[in-house]
Amino acid sequence: MRQLLLVFAHPRLEASRVNRRLLDAARSVDNVTIVDLYERYPAFDIDVEHEQRELSKHDVMVWHHPFYWYSAPPLFKQWIDLVLTFGWAYGPGGTAVAGKSVHHAVTTGGGAEAYSHDGRNRYTIQEFLRPYEQTARLCGMSYHEPFAVHGTHRLTTTDIEAEALRYRRFLEDCLHEH
């Protein structure tokens, strides 16, 4: 059975109704290992070798975070910068993650309509995530269409439960893809 590494980054998880519930849903999926970067590295002192060993054990990755200023929280960016190193993840001899699959899961405060060419943000989520897609491709990984939960500030408890179920199914699908 395939193994999925969920790399999660939220600097204020205690204040997030949606991401807390999504993480709970992820915990109920077999063969998913969750790395909560802000819990594991509160001082931003990432153990690169440990993270690389962990990543090597998994076939699929999900990069999960809230959408902060059209990007990711800083600890997630630092994780990418330090863990996906030259000579290990890319470049001469850098094939440690080649062939793995990467999926992105993001939450946004703005509604889906805001993330369109005609919307307030002028670009789609996929366009904002291009640097991460290119990072995955540079490392020989396949990058897939992102999972997004929009309008988190306006979601009801019922809406959040529906999104948690949708996320659980998304993770199960990630594990079964070929």
Protein backbone atom coordinates (compact mmCIF):
# COMPACT_ATOMS: atom_id res chain seq x y z
CA MET A 1 0.00 0.00 0.00
CA ARG A 2 1.21 3.49 -0.83
CA GLN A 3 2.24 5.85 1.97
CA LEU A 4 1.26 9.53 2.09
CA LEU A 5 3.21 12.26 3.87
CA LEU A 6 1.03 15.25 4.71
CA VAL A 7 3.27 18.27 5.32
CA PHE A 8 1.07 20.71 7.22
CA ALA A 9 1.89 24.33 8.07
CA HIS A 10 -0.41 26.67 9.96
CA PRO A 11 1.11 29.22 12.36
CA ARG A 12 -2.21 29.76 14.20
CA LEU A 13 -3.94 26.41 14.04
CA GLU A 14 -5.76 27.04 17.32
CA ALA A 15 -7.67 29.86 15.58
CA SER A 16 -8.64 27.83 12.51
CA ARG A 17 -11.94 25.96 12.56
CA VAL A 18 -11.51 24.62 9.03
CA ASN A 19 -7.87 23.46 9.07
CA ARG A 20 -8.29 21.81 12.47
CA ARG A 21 -11.23 19.81 11.12
CA LEU A 22 -9.40 18.93 7.89
CA LEU A 23 -6.46 17.67 9.94
CA ASP A 24 -8.83 15.55 12.05
CA ALA A 25 -10.22 14.04 8.84
CA ALA A 26 -6.68 13.30 7.63
CA ARG A 27 -5.91 11.46 10.87
CA SER A 28 -8.70 9.01 10.08
CA VAL A 29 -7.12 7.90 6.79
CA ASP A 30 -4.87 4.84 6.86
CA ASN A 31 -1.28 5.17 5.58
CA VAL A 32 -1.15 8.94 6.14
CA THR A 33 1.69 10.43 8.19
CA ILE A 34 1.08 14.00 9.30
CA VAL A 35 3.97 16.37 9.91
CA ASP A 36 2.73 19.55 11.60
CA LEU A 37 5.68 21.86 10.94
CA TYR A 38 4.72 24.56 13.46
CA GLU A 39 4.23 21.98 16.18
CA ARG A 40 7.45 20.11 15.34
CA TYR A 41 9.65 23.17 14.72
CA PRO A 42 8.38 26.12 16.78
CA ALA A 43 11.86 27.69 16.65
CA PHE A 44 12.10 27.10 12.85
CA ASP A 45 15.09 24.79 13.41
CA ILE A 46 14.26 22.09 10.86
CA ASP A 47 16.02 18.73 11.20
CA VAL A 48 16.78 18.32 7.50
CA GLU A 49 18.14 14.77 7.67
CA HIS A 50 15.09 13.59 9.64
CA GLU A 51 12.71 15.22 7.16
CA GLN A 52 14.56 13.71 4.21
CA ARG A 53 14.42 10.23 5.78
CA GLU A 54 10.69 10.70 6.44
CA LEU A 55 10.08 11.86 2.90
CA SER A 56 12.01 8.89 1.49
CA LYS A 57 9.55 6.48 3.17
CA HIS A 58 6.51 7.93 1.36
CA ASP A 59 5.21 7.68 -2.19
CA VAL A 60 2.85 10.64 -2.13
CA MET A 61 3.04 14.08 -0.54
CA VAL A 62 0.33 16.57 0.25
CA TRP A 63 1.45 20.13 1.01
CA HIS A 64 -1.35 21.52 3.18
CA HIS A 65 -1.52 25.11 4.42
CA PRO A 66 -3.71 28.18 4.50
CA PHE A 67 -3.19 30.59 1.64
CA TYR A 68 -1.15 33.44 3.20
CA TRP A 69 -0.61 36.50 1.05
CA TYR A 70 -0.99 34.41 -2.11
CA SER A 71 1.56 31.89 -0.93
CA ALA A 72 2.37 29.66 2.04
CA PRO A 73 3.31 30.38 5.66
CA PRO A 74 7.06 30.99 6.10
CA LEU A 75 7.92 27.70 7.83
CA PHE A 76 6.55 25.74 4.88
CA LYS A 77 8.73 27.72 2.47
CA GLN A 78 11.72 27.12 4.74
CA TRP A 79 10.93 23.39 4.79
CA ILE A 80 11.04 23.30 0.97
CA ASP A 81 14.23 25.38 0.85
CA LEU A 82 16.08 23.19 3.33
CA VAL A 83 14.70 19.69 2.69
CA LEU A 84 14.56 19.62 -1.12
CA THR A 85 18.26 20.24 -1.50
CA PHE A 86 20.57 20.29 -4.52
CA GLY A 87 22.18 16.89 -4.96
CA TRP A 88 19.43 15.18 -2.95
CA ALA A 89 16.13 16.25 -4.55
CA TYR A 90 17.43 17.77 -7.80
CA GLY A 91 20.61 18.44 -9.73
CA PRO A 92 23.42 15.91 -10.26
CA GLY A 93 22.61 12.83 -8.18
CA GLY A 94 19.45 14.47 -6.84
CA THR A 95 16.86 11.80 -7.46
CA ALA A 96 15.63 11.02 -3.93
CA VAL A 97 12.08 12.25 -4.62
CA ALA A 98 11.88 11.58 -8.37
CA GLY A 99 8.70 9.76 -9.30
CA LYS A 100 6.78 10.78 -6.19
CA SER A 101 3.43 12.54 -6.45
CA VAL A 102 2.72 15.95 -4.92
CA HIS A 103 -0.69 17.40 -4.20
CA HIS A 104 -1.47 20.78 -2.69
CA ALA A 105 -4.28 21.46 -0.24
CA VAL A 106 -5.04 25.07 0.59
CA THR A 107 -7.68 27.04 2.43
CA THR A 108 -8.63 30.61 1.56
CA GLY A 109 -10.61 33.24 3.36
CA GLY A 110 -11.86 34.60 0.04
CA GLY A 111 -14.52 32.85 -1.98
CA ALA A 112 -13.78 30.81 -5.10
CA GLU A 113 -15.02 33.67 -7.30
CA ALA A 114 -12.18 35.88 -5.99
CA TYR A 115 -9.63 33.44 -7.46
CA SER A 116 -10.42 33.91 -11.14
CA HIS A 117 -9.25 36.21 -13.89
CA ASP A 118 -12.35 38.34 -13.37
CA GLY A 119 -12.21 38.14 -9.59
CA ARG A 120 -10.70 40.43 -7.00
CA ASN A 121 -7.39 38.50 -6.92
CA ARG A 122 -7.10 38.39 -10.76
CA TYR A 123 -5.48 34.93 -10.81
CA THR A 124 -6.53 31.35 -10.14
CA ILE A 125 -5.23 29.27 -7.25
CA GLN A 126 -3.32 27.16 -9.80
CA GLU A 127 -1.57 30.27 -11.10
CA PHE A 128 -0.61 31.42 -7.60
CA LEU A 129 0.81 27.95 -6.87
CA ARG A 130 3.02 27.79 -10.01
CA PRO A 131 6.31 28.16 -8.04
CA TYR A 132 5.40 25.04 -6.03
CA GLU A 133 4.42 23.18 -9.17
CA GLN A 134 7.77 24.06 -10.75
CA THR A 135 9.61 23.02 -7.58
CA ALA A 136 7.95 19.61 -7.76
CA ARG A 137 8.73 19.26 -11.45
CA LEU A 138 12.37 20.32 -10.96
CA CYS A 139 12.65 17.50 -8.42
CA GLY A 140 11.14 14.97 -10.85
CA MET A 141 7.84 14.73 -8.99
CA SER A 142 4.40 14.83 -10.57
CA TYR A 143 2.30 17.77 -9.40
CA HIS A 144 -1.48 17.49 -9.39
CA GLU A 145 -4.47 19.80 -9.39
CA PRO A 146 -4.79 21.41 -5.93
CA PHE A 147 -7.53 20.76 -3.41
CA ALA A 148 -8.98 24.05 -2.16
CA VAL A 149 -11.50 25.09 0.45
CA HIS A 150 -12.60 28.66 -0.25
CA GLY A 151 -14.46 31.20 1.86
CA THR A 152 -13.47 29.61 5.16
CA HIS A 153 -14.66 32.60 7.23
CA ARG A 154 -18.22 32.10 6.03
CA LEU A 155 -18.50 28.31 6.32
CA THR A 156 -21.09 26.86 8.67
CA THR A 157 -20.43 23.81 10.83
CA THR A 158 -22.32 21.72 8.27
CA ASP A 159 -20.19 23.17 5.45
CA ILE A 160 -17.00 22.38 7.37
CA GLU A 161 -18.10 18.78 7.92
CA ALA A 162 -18.79 18.44 4.19
CA GLU A 163 -15.32 19.83 3.38
CA ALA A 164 -13.73 17.42 5.88
CA LEU A 165 -15.44 14.50 4.14
CA ARG A 166 -14.34 15.84 0.75
CA TYR A 167 -10.75 16.12 2.07
CA ARG A 168 -10.81 12.58 3.41
CA ARG A 169 -11.91 11.33 -0.02
CA PHE A 170 -9.23 13.47 -1.69
CA LEU A 171 -6.52 11.88 0.50
CA GLU A 172 -7.86 8.38 -0.17
CA ASP A 173 -7.79 9.15 -3.90
CA CYS A 174 -4.18 10.38 -3.60
CA LEU A 175 -3.24 7.04 -2.05
CA HIS A 176 -4.87 5.06 -4.85
CA GLU A 177 -3.71 7.05 -7.88
CA HIS A 178 -1.30 5.57 -10.39
